[in-house]
């Protein structure tokens, strides 16, 4: 799988899965602090494929709306974080970026 496809799948999962819990009737307060069950690799692959299909089925306007909603949710979550939590989140993001880009030497 190429990096582009992996990023597209990650965006699709991030956009679609939070809405799934709400569609099933879970209240936002009930979801706070809840841990997600561990999925097998097969289950993760299946969920990623389903999310990709939903993302590809969306119109450009629907995709834009979904991205805006996700950005708003992330901004709200970050606003509730303490400075230490923000620093830890940024550190984890930097580590993931470093792992995603292999260092090449010429």
PDB file of N, CA and C in Angstrom:
ATOM      1  N   UNK A   1       0.852  -1.169   0.000  1.00  0.00           N
ATOM      2  CA  UNK A   1       0.000   0.000   0.000  1.00  0.00           C
ATOM      3  C   UNK A   1       0.899   1.234   0.000  1.00  0.00           C
ATOM      4  N   UNK A   2       0.589   2.180  -0.823  1.00  0.00           N
ATOM      5  CA  UNK A   2       1.412   3.372  -0.909  1.00  0.00           C
ATOM      6  C   UNK A   2       1.108   4.322   0.237  1.00  0.00           C
ATOM      7  N   UNK A   3       2.008   5.246   0.463  1.00  0.00           N
ATOM      8  CA  UNK A   3       1.836   6.244   1.529  1.00  0.00           C
ATOM      9  C   UNK A   3       0.559   7.038   1.293  1.00  0.00           C
ATOM     10  N   UNK A   4       0.309   7.417   0.041  1.00  0.00           N
ATOM     11  CA  UNK A   4      -0.883   8.204  -0.277  1.00  0.00           C
ATOM     12  C   UNK A   4      -2.153   7.438   0.095  1.00  0.00           C
ATOM     13  N   UNK A   5      -2.194   6.152  -0.237  1.00  0.00           N
ATOM     14  CA  UNK A   5      -3.371   5.342   0.094  1.00  0.00           C
ATOM     15  C   UNK A   5      -3.505   5.186   1.599  1.00  0.00           C
ATOM     16  N   UNK A   6      -2.372   5.023   2.285  1.00  0.00           N
ATOM     17  CA  UNK A   6      -2.430   4.873   3.731  1.00  0.00           C
ATOM     18  C   UNK A   6      -2.942   6.155   4.387  1.00  0.00           C
ATOM     19  N   UNK A   7      -2.485   7.296   3.910  1.00  0.00           N
ATOM     20  CA  UNK A   7      -2.961   8.564   4.467  1.00  0.00           C
ATOM     21  C   UNK A   7      -4.445   8.761   4.193  1.00  0.00           C
ATOM     22  N   UNK A   8      -4.876   8.409   2.971  1.00  0.00           N
ATOM     23  CA  UNK A   8      -6.293   8.542   2.639  1.00  0.00           C
ATOM     24  C   UNK A   8      -7.142   7.645   3.530  1.00  0.00           C
ATOM     25  N   UNK A   9      -6.649   6.434   3.774  1.00  0.00           N
ATOM     26  CA  UNK A   9      -7.381   5.509   4.647  1.00  0.00           C
ATOM     27  C   UNK A   9      -7.432   6.036   6.072  1.00  0.00           C
ATOM     28  N   UNK A  10      -6.324   6.613   6.543  1.00  0.00           N
ATOM     29  CA  UNK A  10      -6.296   7.159   7.897  1.00  0.00           C
ATOM     30  C   UNK A  10      -7.277   8.311   8.045  1.00  0.00           C
ATOM     31  N   UNK A  11      -7.335   9.176   7.053  1.00  0.00           N
ATOM     32  CA  UNK A  11      -8.282  10.301   7.090  1.00  0.00           C
ATOM     33  C   UNK A  11      -9.709   9.775   7.085  1.00  0.00           C
ATOM     34  N   UNK A  12      -9.956   8.783   6.236  1.00  0.00           N
ATOM     35  CA  UNK A  12     -11.307   8.236   6.154  1.00  0.00           C
ATOM     36  C   UNK A  12     -11.722   7.617   7.485  1.00  0.00           C
ATOM     37  N   UNK A  13     -10.826   6.890   8.115  1.00  0.00           N
ATOM     38  CA  UNK A  13     -11.145   6.294   9.413  1.00  0.00           C
ATOM     39  C   UNK A  13     -11.393   7.372  10.459  1.00  0.00           C
ATOM     40  N   UNK A  14     -10.549   8.348  10.488  1.00  0.00           N
ATOM     41  CA  UNK A  14     -10.685   9.403  11.488  1.00  0.00           C
ATOM     42  C   UNK A  14     -11.982  10.175  11.318  1.00  0.00           C
ATOM     43  N   UNK A  15     -12.403  10.324  10.088  1.00  0.00           N
ATOM     44  CA  UNK A  15     -13.622  11.079   9.813  1.00  0.00           C
ATOM     45  C   UNK A  15     -14.857  10.241  10.094  1.00  0.00           C
ATOM     46  N   UNK A  16     -14.838   8.993   9.697  1.00  0.00           N
ATOM     47  CA  UNK A  16     -16.046   8.170   9.734  1.00  0.00           C
ATOM     48  C   UNK A  16     -16.312   7.489  11.067  1.00  0.00           C
ATOM     49  N   UNK A  17     -15.287   7.021  11.748  1.00  0.00           N
ATOM     50  CA  UNK A  17     -15.526   6.230  12.950  1.00  0.00           C
ATOM     51  C   UNK A  17     -16.133   6.996  14.117  1.00  0.00           C
ATOM     52  N   UNK A  18     -15.739   8.249  14.407  1.00  0.00           N
ATOM     53  CA  UNK A  18     -16.406   8.944  15.504  1.00  0.00           C
ATOM     54  C   UNK A  18     -17.913   9.108  15.258  1.00  0.00           C
ATOM     55  N   UNK A  19     -18.299   9.291  14.026  1.00  0.00           N
ATOM     56  CA  UNK A  19     -19.712   9.414  13.703  1.00  0.00           C
ATOM     57  C   UNK A  19     -20.462   8.115  13.882  1.00  0.00           C
ATOM     58  N   UNK A  20     -19.764   6.995  13.778  1.00  0.00           N
ATOM     59  CA  UNK A  20     -20.396   5.691  13.937  1.00  0.00           C
ATOM     60  C   UNK A  20     -20.939   5.509  15.352  1.00  0.00           C
ATOM     61  N   UNK A  21     -20.174   5.905  16.357  1.00  0.00           N
ATOM     62  CA  UNK A  21     -20.627   5.771  17.739  1.00  0.00           C
ATOM     63  C   UNK A  21     -21.860   6.631  17.992  1.00  0.00           C
ATOM     64  N   UNK A  22     -21.872   7.828  17.423  1.00  0.00           N
ATOM     65  CA  UNK A  22     -23.033   8.693  17.598  1.00  0.00           C
ATOM     66  C   UNK A  22     -24.242   8.127  16.876  1.00  0.00           C
ATOM     67  N   UNK A  23     -24.026   7.538  15.710  1.00  0.00           N
ATOM     68  CA  UNK A  23     -25.134   6.956  14.952  1.00  0.00           C
ATOM     69  C   UNK A  23     -25.756   5.783  15.690  1.00  0.00           C
ATOM     70  N   UNK A  24     -24.953   5.113  16.505  1.00  0.00           N
ATOM     71  CA  UNK A  24     -25.468   3.982  17.265  1.00  0.00           C
ATOM     72  C   UNK A  24     -26.123   4.427  18.568  1.00  0.00           C
ATOM     73  N   UNK A  25     -26.160   5.720  18.804  1.00  0.00           N
ATOM     74  CA  UNK A  25     -26.891   6.239  19.958  1.00  0.00           C
ATOM     75  C   UNK A  25     -26.060   6.494  21.193  1.00  0.00           C
ATOM     76  N   UNK A  26     -24.744   6.401  21.106  1.00  0.00           N
ATOM     77  CA  UNK A  26     -23.916   6.651  22.277  1.00  0.00           C
ATOM     78  C   UNK A  26     -23.861   8.149  22.542  1.00  0.00           C
ATOM     79  N   UNK A  27     -24.076   8.514  23.780  1.00  0.00           N
ATOM     80  CA  UNK A  27     -24.020   9.928  24.156  1.00  0.00           C
ATOM     81  C   UNK A  27     -22.560  10.346  24.255  1.00  0.00           C
ATOM     82  N   UNK A  28     -22.229  11.584  23.881  1.00  0.00           N
ATOM     83  CA  UNK A  28     -20.837  12.032  23.967  1.00  0.00           C
ATOM     84  C   UNK A  28     -20.256  11.885  25.363  1.00  0.00           C
ATOM     85  N   UNK A  29     -21.034  12.165  26.399  1.00  0.00           N
ATOM     86  CA  UNK A  29     -20.529  12.047  27.765  1.00  0.00           C
ATOM     87  C   UNK A  29     -20.204  10.596  28.094  1.00  0.00           C
ATOM     88  N   UNK A  30     -20.989   9.664  27.558  1.00  0.00           N
ATOM     89  CA  UNK A  30     -20.748   8.250  27.820  1.00  0.00           C
ATOM     90  C   UNK A  30     -19.478   7.770  27.129  1.00  0.00           C
ATOM     91  N   UNK A  31     -19.085   8.456  26.059  1.00  0.00           N
ATOM     92  CA  UNK A  31     -17.914   8.043  25.305  1.00  0.00           C
ATOM     93  C   UNK A  31     -16.620   8.550  25.930  1.00  0.00           C
ATOM     94  N   UNK A  32     -16.680   9.577  26.754  1.00  0.00           N
ATOM     95  CA  UNK A  32     -15.482  10.147  27.342  1.00  0.00           C
ATOM     96  C   UNK A  32     -14.836   9.133  28.271  1.00  0.00           C
ATOM     97  N   UNK A  33     -13.559   8.951  28.110  1.00  0.00           N
ATOM     98  CA  UNK A  33     -12.821   8.043  28.972  1.00  0.00           C
ATOM     99  C   UNK A  33     -13.024   6.579  28.638  1.00  0.00           C
ATOM    100  N   UNK A  34     -13.849   6.283  27.671  1.00  0.00           N
ATOM    101  CA  UNK A  34     -14.084   4.894  27.298  1.00  0.00           C
ATOM    102  C   UNK A  34     -12.902   4.379  26.493  1.00  0.00           C
ATOM    103  N   UNK A  35     -12.551   3.140  26.742  1.00  0.00           N
ATOM    104  CA  UNK A  35     -11.462   2.543  25.974  1.00  0.00           C
ATOM    105  C   UNK A  35     -12.053   1.742  24.831  1.00  0.00           C
ATOM    106  N   UNK A  36     -11.337   1.719  23.756  1.00  0.00           N
ATOM    107  CA  UNK A  36     -11.785   0.965  22.592  1.00  0.00           C
ATOM    108  C   UNK A  36     -11.345  -0.483  22.727  1.00  0.00           C
ATOM    109  N   UNK A  37     -12.179  -1.409  22.276  1.00  0.00           N
ATOM    110  CA  UNK A  37     -11.758  -2.804  22.335  1.00  0.00           C
ATOM    111  C   UNK A  37     -10.639  -3.048  21.323  1.00  0.00           C
ATOM    112  N   UNK A  38      -9.763  -3.963  21.636  1.00  0.00           N
ATOM    113  CA  UNK A  38      -8.674  -4.313  20.727  1.00  0.00           C
ATOM    114  C   UNK A  38      -9.246  -5.078  19.547  1.00  0.00           C
ATOM    115  N   UNK A  39      -8.830  -4.701  18.352  1.00  0.00           N
ATOM    116  CA  UNK A  39      -9.288  -5.360  17.141  1.00  0.00           C
ATOM    117  C   UNK A  39      -8.172  -6.218  16.575  1.00  0.00           C
ATOM    118  N   UNK A  40      -8.552  -7.273  15.910  1.00  0.00           N
ATOM    119  CA  UNK A  40      -7.561  -8.086  15.212  1.00  0.00           C
ATOM    120  C   UNK A  40      -7.142  -7.343  13.948  1.00  0.00           C
ATOM    121  N   UNK A  41      -6.049  -7.775  13.349  1.00  0.00           N
ATOM    122  CA  UNK A  41      -5.583  -7.138  12.117  1.00  0.00           C
ATOM    123  C   UNK A  41      -6.647  -7.251  11.033  1.00  0.00           C
ATOM    124  N   UNK A  42      -7.310  -8.391  10.965  1.00  0.00           N
ATOM    125  CA  UNK A  42      -8.367  -8.580   9.966  1.00  0.00           C
ATOM    126  C   UNK A  42      -9.514  -7.600  10.183  1.00  0.00           C
ATOM    127  N   UNK A  43      -9.908  -7.381  11.444  1.00  0.00           N
ATOM    128  CA  UNK A  43     -10.981  -6.441  11.754  1.00  0.00           C
ATOM    129  C   UNK A  43     -10.571  -5.019  11.406  1.00  0.00           C
ATOM    130  N   UNK A  44      -9.301  -4.664  11.687  1.00  0.00           N
ATOM    131  CA  UNK A  44      -8.818  -3.323  11.342  1.00  0.00           C
ATOM    132  C   UNK A  44      -8.823  -3.120   9.832  1.00  0.00           C
ATOM    133  N   UNK A  45      -8.379  -4.147   9.098  1.00  0.00           N
ATOM    134  CA  UNK A  45      -8.370  -4.048   7.635  1.00  0.00           C
ATOM    135  C   UNK A  45      -9.781  -3.889   7.089  1.00  0.00           C
ATOM    136  N   UNK A  46     -10.715  -4.646   7.650  1.00  0.00           N
ATOM    137  CA  UNK A  46     -12.103  -4.571   7.201  1.00  0.00           C
ATOM    138  C   UNK A  46     -12.696  -3.190   7.509  1.00  0.00           C
ATOM    139  N   UNK A  47     -12.432  -2.676   8.697  1.00  0.00           N
ATOM    140  CA  UNK A  47     -12.939  -1.354   9.069  1.00  0.00           C
ATOM    141  C   UNK A  47     -12.332  -0.276   8.178  1.00  0.00           C
ATOM    142  N   UNK A  48     -11.036  -0.406   7.882  1.00  0.00           N
ATOM    143  CA  UNK A  48     -10.369   0.568   7.019  1.00  0.00           C
ATOM    144  C   UNK A  48     -10.965   0.550   5.615  1.00  0.00           C
ATOM    145  N   UNK A  49     -11.239  -0.660   5.094  1.00  0.00           N
ATOM    146  CA  UNK A  49     -11.837  -0.773   3.764  1.00  0.00           C
ATOM    147  C   UNK A  49     -13.246  -0.173   3.725  1.00  0.00           C
ATOM    148  N   UNK A  50     -14.027  -0.434   4.771  1.00  0.00           N
ATOM    149  CA  UNK A  50     -15.380   0.122   4.828  1.00  0.00           C
ATOM    150  C   UNK A  50     -15.337   1.641   4.920  1.00  0.00           C
ATOM    151  N   UNK A  51     -14.419   2.154   5.734  1.00  0.00           N
ATOM    152  CA  UNK A  51     -14.295   3.606   5.869  1.00  0.00           C
ATOM    153  C   UNK A  51     -13.861   4.230   4.542  1.00  0.00           C
ATOM    154  N   UNK A  52     -12.944   3.564   3.850  1.00  0.00           N
ATOM    155  CA  UNK A  52     -12.492   4.078   2.553  1.00  0.00           C
ATOM    156  C   UNK A  52     -13.652   4.123   1.566  1.00  0.00           C
ATOM    157  N   UNK A  53     -14.480   3.080   1.566  1.00  0.00           N
ATOM    158  CA  UNK A  53     -15.634   3.051   0.667  1.00  0.00           C
ATOM    159  C   UNK A  53     -16.610   4.180   0.989  1.00  0.00           C
ATOM    160  N   UNK A  54     -16.864   4.415   2.292  1.00  0.00           N
ATOM    161  CA  UNK A  54     -17.767   5.506   2.677  1.00  0.00           C
ATOM    162  C   UNK A  54     -17.191   6.852   2.250  1.00  0.00           C
ATOM    163  N   UNK A  55     -15.880   7.029   2.441  1.00  0.00           N
ATOM    164  CA  UNK A  55     -15.226   8.284   2.082  1.00  0.00           C
ATOM    165  C   UNK A  55     -15.319   8.515   0.577  1.00  0.00           C
ATOM    166  N   UNK A  56     -15.045   7.482  -0.208  1.00  0.00           N
ATOM    167  CA  UNK A  56     -15.078   7.611  -1.656  1.00  0.00           C
ATOM    168  C   UNK A  56     -16.494   7.835  -2.172  1.00  0.00           C
ATOM    169  N   UNK A  57     -17.492   7.370  -1.430  1.00  0.00           N
ATOM    170  CA  UNK A  57     -18.882   7.550  -1.845  1.00  0.00           C
ATOM    171  C   UNK A  57     -19.387   8.965  -1.549  1.00  0.00           C
ATOM    172  N   UNK A  58     -18.663   9.701  -0.712  1.00  0.00           N
ATOM    173  CA  UNK A  58     -19.087  11.056  -0.354  1.00  0.00           C
ATOM    174  C   UNK A  58     -18.853  12.014  -1.515  1.00  0.00           C
ATOM    175  N   UNK A  59     -19.707  13.009  -1.582  1.00  0.00           N
ATOM    176  CA  UNK A  59     -19.498  14.083  -2.555  1.00  0.00           C
ATOM    177  C   UNK A  59     -18.411  15.009  -2.005  1.00  0.00           C
ATOM    178  N   UNK A  60     -17.811  15.832  -2.836  1.00  0.00           N
ATOM    179  CA  UNK A  60     -16.782  16.766  -2.338  1.00  0.00           C
ATOM    180  C   UNK A  60     -17.301  17.667  -1.212  1.00  0.00           C
ATOM    181  N   UNK A  61     -18.561  18.079  -1.297  1.00  0.00           N
ATOM    182  CA  UNK A  61     -19.130  18.916  -0.233  1.00  0.00           C
ATOM    183  C   UNK A  61     -19.241  18.142   1.073  1.00  0.00           C
ATOM    184  N   UNK A  62     -19.659  16.876   0.986  1.00  0.00           N
ATOM    185  CA  UNK A  62     -19.772  16.049   2.190  1.00  0.00           C
ATOM    186  C   UNK A  62     -18.400  15.817   2.813  1.00  0.00           C
ATOM    187  N   UNK A  63     -17.392  15.595   1.982  1.00  0.00           N
ATOM    188  CA  UNK A  63     -16.031  15.400   2.495  1.00  0.00           C
ATOM    189  C   UNK A  63     -15.547  16.658   3.205  1.00  0.00           C
ATOM    190  N   UNK A  64     -15.795  17.807   2.601  1.00  0.00           N
ATOM    191  CA  UNK A  64     -15.373  19.068   3.209  1.00  0.00           C
ATOM    192  C   UNK A  64     -16.061  19.267   4.554  1.00  0.00           C
ATOM    193  N   UNK A  65     -17.355  18.980   4.595  1.00  0.00           N
ATOM    194  CA  UNK A  65     -18.103  19.119   5.852  1.00  0.00           C
ATOM    195  C   UNK A  65     -17.557  18.168   6.910  1.00  0.00           C
ATOM    196  N   UNK A  66     -17.263  16.931   6.512  1.00  0.00           N
ATOM    197  CA  UNK A  66     -16.724  15.950   7.451  1.00  0.00           C
ATOM    198  C   UNK A  66     -15.372  16.407   7.994  1.00  0.00           C
ATOM    199  N   UNK A  67     -14.531  16.941   7.141  1.00  0.00           N
ATOM    200  CA  UNK A  67     -13.229  17.431   7.589  1.00  0.00           C
ATOM    201  C   UNK A  67     -13.375  18.607   8.543  1.00  0.00           C
ATOM    202  N   UNK A  68     -14.291  19.507   8.237  1.00  0.00           N
ATOM    203  CA  UNK A  68     -14.511  20.660   9.121  1.00  0.00           C
ATOM    204  C   UNK A  68     -15.023  20.215  10.482  1.00  0.00           C
ATOM    205  N   UNK A  69     -15.930  19.235  10.499  1.00  0.00           N
ATOM    206  CA  UNK A  69     -16.446  18.726  11.771  1.00  0.00           C
ATOM    207  C   UNK A  69     -15.333  18.075  12.583  1.00  0.00           C
ATOM    208  N   UNK A  70     -14.473  17.334  11.914  1.00  0.00           N
ATOM    209  CA  UNK A  70     -13.364  16.676  12.608  1.00  0.00           C
ATOM    210  C   UNK A  70     -12.414  17.717  13.188  1.00  0.00           C
ATOM    211  N   UNK A  71     -12.104  18.747  12.413  1.00  0.00           N
ATOM    212  CA  UNK A  71     -11.227  19.802  12.915  1.00  0.00           C
ATOM    213  C   UNK A  71     -11.831  20.484  14.138  1.00  0.00           C
ATOM    214  N   UNK A  72     -13.149  20.698  14.106  1.00  0.00           N
ATOM    215  CA  UNK A  72     -13.824  21.336  15.243  1.00  0.00           C
ATOM    216  C   UNK A  72     -13.748  20.442  16.485  1.00  0.00           C
ATOM    217  N   UNK A  73     -13.977  19.129  16.301  1.00  0.00           N
ATOM    218  CA  UNK A  73     -13.889  18.195  17.437  1.00  0.00           C
ATOM    219  C   UNK A  73     -12.484  18.175  18.022  1.00  0.00           C
ATOM    220  N   UNK A  74     -11.477  18.169  17.139  1.00  0.00           N
ATOM    221  CA  UNK A  74     -10.094  18.150  17.612  1.00  0.00           C
ATOM    222  C   UNK A  74      -9.755  19.442  18.344  1.00  0.00           C
ATOM    223  N   UNK A  75     -10.240  20.579  17.850  1.00  0.00           N
ATOM    224  CA  UNK A  75      -9.977  21.860  18.511  1.00  0.00           C
ATOM    225  C   UNK A  75     -10.616  21.879  19.896  1.00  0.00           C
ATOM    226  N   UNK A  76     -11.845  21.353  20.008  1.00  0.00           N
ATOM    227  CA  UNK A  76     -12.511  21.286  21.313  1.00  0.00           C
ATOM    228  C   UNK A  76     -11.727  20.408  22.272  1.00  0.00           C
ATOM    229  N   UNK A  77     -11.277  19.258  21.782  1.00  0.00           N
ATOM    230  CA  UNK A  77     -10.518  18.337  22.634  1.00  0.00           C
ATOM    231  C   UNK A  77      -9.208  18.969  23.090  1.00  0.00           C
ATOM    232  N   UNK A  78      -8.547  19.661  22.186  1.00  0.00           N
ATOM    233  CA  UNK A  78      -7.283  20.300  22.552  1.00  0.00           C
ATOM    234  C   UNK A  78      -7.513  21.439  23.535  1.00  0.00           C
ATOM    235  N   UNK A  79      -8.626  22.138  23.416  1.00  0.00           N
ATOM    236  CA  UNK A  79      -8.922  23.234  24.340  1.00  0.00           C
ATOM    237  C   UNK A  79      -9.113  22.720  25.771  1.00  0.00           C
ATOM    238  N   UNK A  80      -9.587  21.478  25.902  1.00  0.00           N
ATOM    239  CA  UNK A  80      -9.792  20.890  27.235  1.00  0.00           C
ATOM    240  C   UNK A  80      -8.506  20.332  27.833  1.00  0.00           C
ATOM    241  N   UNK A  81      -7.452  20.207  27.037  1.00  0.00           N
ATOM    242  CA  UNK A  81      -6.203  19.608  27.517  1.00  0.00           C
ATOM    243  C   UNK A  81      -5.406  20.570  28.383  1.00  0.00           C
ATOM    244  N   UNK A  82      -4.633  19.970  29.276  1.00  0.00           N
ATOM    245  CA  UNK A  82      -3.689  20.758  30.065  1.00  0.00           C
ATOM    246  C   UNK A  82      -2.452  21.001  29.208  1.00  0.00           C
ATOM    247  N   UNK A  83      -1.625  21.966  29.572  1.00  0.00           N
ATOM    248  CA  UNK A  83      -0.396  22.200  28.798  1.00  0.00           C
ATOM    249  C   UNK A  83       0.496  20.949  28.716  1.00  0.00           C
ATOM    250  N   UNK A  84       0.529  20.154  29.778  1.00  0.00           N
ATOM    251  CA  UNK A  84       1.336  18.934  29.763  1.00  0.00           C
ATOM    252  C   UNK A  84       0.784  17.925  28.763  1.00  0.00           C
ATOM    253  N   UNK A  85      -0.544  17.803  28.709  1.00  0.00           N
ATOM    254  CA  UNK A  85      -1.163  16.883  27.750  1.00  0.00           C
ATOM    255  C   UNK A  85      -0.909  17.342  26.318  1.00  0.00           C
ATOM    256  N   UNK A  86      -0.973  18.649  26.089  1.00  0.00           N
ATOM    257  CA  UNK A  86      -0.697  19.180  24.743  1.00  0.00           C
ATOM    258  C   UNK A  86       0.740  18.870  24.325  1.00  0.00           C
ATOM    259  N   UNK A  87       1.670  19.071  25.285  1.00  0.00           N
ATOM    260  CA  UNK A  87       3.091  18.807  24.978  1.00  0.00           C
ATOM    261  C   UNK A  87       3.287  17.328  24.654  1.00  0.00           C
ATOM    262  N   UNK A  88       2.627  16.451  25.410  1.00  0.00           N
ATOM    263  CA  UNK A  88       2.763  15.011  25.158  1.00  0.00           C
ATOM    264  C   UNK A  88       2.170  14.642  23.798  1.00  0.00           C
ATOM    265  N   UNK A  89       1.045  15.256  23.460  1.00  0.00           N
ATOM    266  CA  UNK A  89       0.410  14.986  22.169  1.00  0.00           C
ATOM    267  C   UNK A  89       1.328  15.431  21.030  1.00  0.00           C
ATOM    268  N   UNK A  90       1.904  16.588  21.157  1.00  0.00           N
ATOM    269  CA  UNK A  90       2.808  17.083  20.110  1.00  0.00           C
ATOM    270  C   UNK A  90       4.045  16.206  19.991  1.00  0.00           C
ATOM    271  N   UNK A  91       4.543  15.730  21.130  1.00  0.00           N
ATOM    272  CA  UNK A  91       5.711  14.844  21.126  1.00  0.00           C
ATOM    273  C   UNK A  91       5.390  13.541  20.401  1.00  0.00           C
ATOM    274  N   UNK A  92       4.227  12.945  20.690  1.00  0.00           N
ATOM    275  CA  UNK A  92       3.822  11.700  20.008  1.00  0.00           C
ATOM    276  C   UNK A  92       3.665  11.928  18.511  1.00  0.00           C
ATOM    277  N   UNK A  93       3.100  13.070  18.137  1.00  0.00           N
ATOM    278  CA  UNK A  93       2.930  13.378  16.717  1.00  0.00           C
ATOM    279  C   UNK A  93       4.288  13.511  16.032  1.00  0.00           C
ATOM    280  N   UNK A  94       5.229  14.149  16.689  1.00  0.00           N
ATOM    281  CA  UNK A  94       6.572  14.298  16.114  1.00  0.00           C
ATOM    282  C   UNK A  94       7.237  12.937  15.953  1.00  0.00           C
ATOM    283  N   UNK A  95       7.045  12.060  16.932  1.00  0.00           N
ATOM    284  CA  UNK A  95       7.620  10.713  16.838  1.00  0.00           C
ATOM    285  C   UNK A  95       7.010   9.927  15.688  1.00  0.00           C
ATOM    286  N   UNK A  96       5.681  10.050  15.506  1.00  0.00           N
ATOM    287  CA  UNK A  96       5.028   9.346  14.398  1.00  0.00           C
ATOM    288  C   UNK A  96       5.511   9.870  13.056  1.00  0.00           C
ATOM    289  N   UNK A  97       5.684  11.191  12.962  1.00  0.00           N
ATOM    290  CA  UNK A  97       6.189  11.764  11.705  1.00  0.00           C
ATOM    291  C   UNK A  97       7.593  11.270  11.414  1.00  0.00           C
ATOM    292  N   UNK A  98       8.425  11.166  12.438  1.00  0.00           N
ATOM    293  CA  UNK A  98       9.798  10.701  12.252  1.00  0.00           C
ATOM    294  C   UNK A  98       9.815   9.240  11.794  1.00  0.00           C
ATOM    295  N   UNK A  99       8.906   8.419  12.309  1.00  0.00           N
ATOM    296  CA  UNK A  99       8.836   7.024  11.913  1.00  0.00           C
ATOM    297  C   UNK A  99       8.303   6.887  10.492  1.00  0.00           C
ATOM    298  N   UNK A 100       7.426   7.768  10.093  1.00  0.00           N
ATOM    299  CA  UNK A 100       6.803   7.676   8.774  1.00  0.00           C
ATOM    300  C   UNK A 100       7.772   8.034   7.663  1.00  0.00           C
ATOM    301  N   UNK A 101       8.743   8.886   7.970  1.00  0.00           N
ATOM    302  CA  UNK A 101       9.710   9.322   6.951  1.00  0.00           C
ATOM    303  C   UNK A 101      11.035   8.637   7.166  1.00  0.00           C
ATOM    304  N   UNK A 102      11.377   7.675   6.336  1.00  0.00           N
ATOM    305  CA  UNK A 102      12.695   7.063   6.488  1.00  0.00           C
ATOM    306  C   UNK A 102      13.783   8.070   6.107  1.00  0.00           C
ATOM    307  N   UNK A 103      14.840   8.049   6.836  1.00  0.00           N
ATOM    308  CA  UNK A 103      15.947   8.961   6.602  1.00  0.00           C
ATOM    309  C   UNK A 103      16.820   8.358   5.505  1.00  0.00           C
ATOM    310  N   UNK A 104      17.019   9.108   4.434  1.00  0.00           N
ATOM    311  CA  UNK A 104      17.874   8.633   3.343  1.00  0.00           C
ATOM    312  C   UNK A 104      19.125   9.473   3.299  1.00  0.00           C
ATOM    313  N   UNK A 105      20.210   8.825   2.986  1.00  0.00           N
ATOM    314  CA  UNK A 105      21.477   9.537   2.852  1.00  0.00           C
ATOM    315  C   UNK A 105      21.965   9.384   1.432  1.00  0.00           C
ATOM    316  N   UNK A 106      22.562  10.425   0.936  1.00  0.00           N
ATOM    317  CA  UNK A 106      23.075  10.377  -0.448  1.00  0.00           C
ATOM    318  C   UNK A 106      24.558  10.222  -0.452  1.00  0.00           C
TER     319      UNK A 106
END
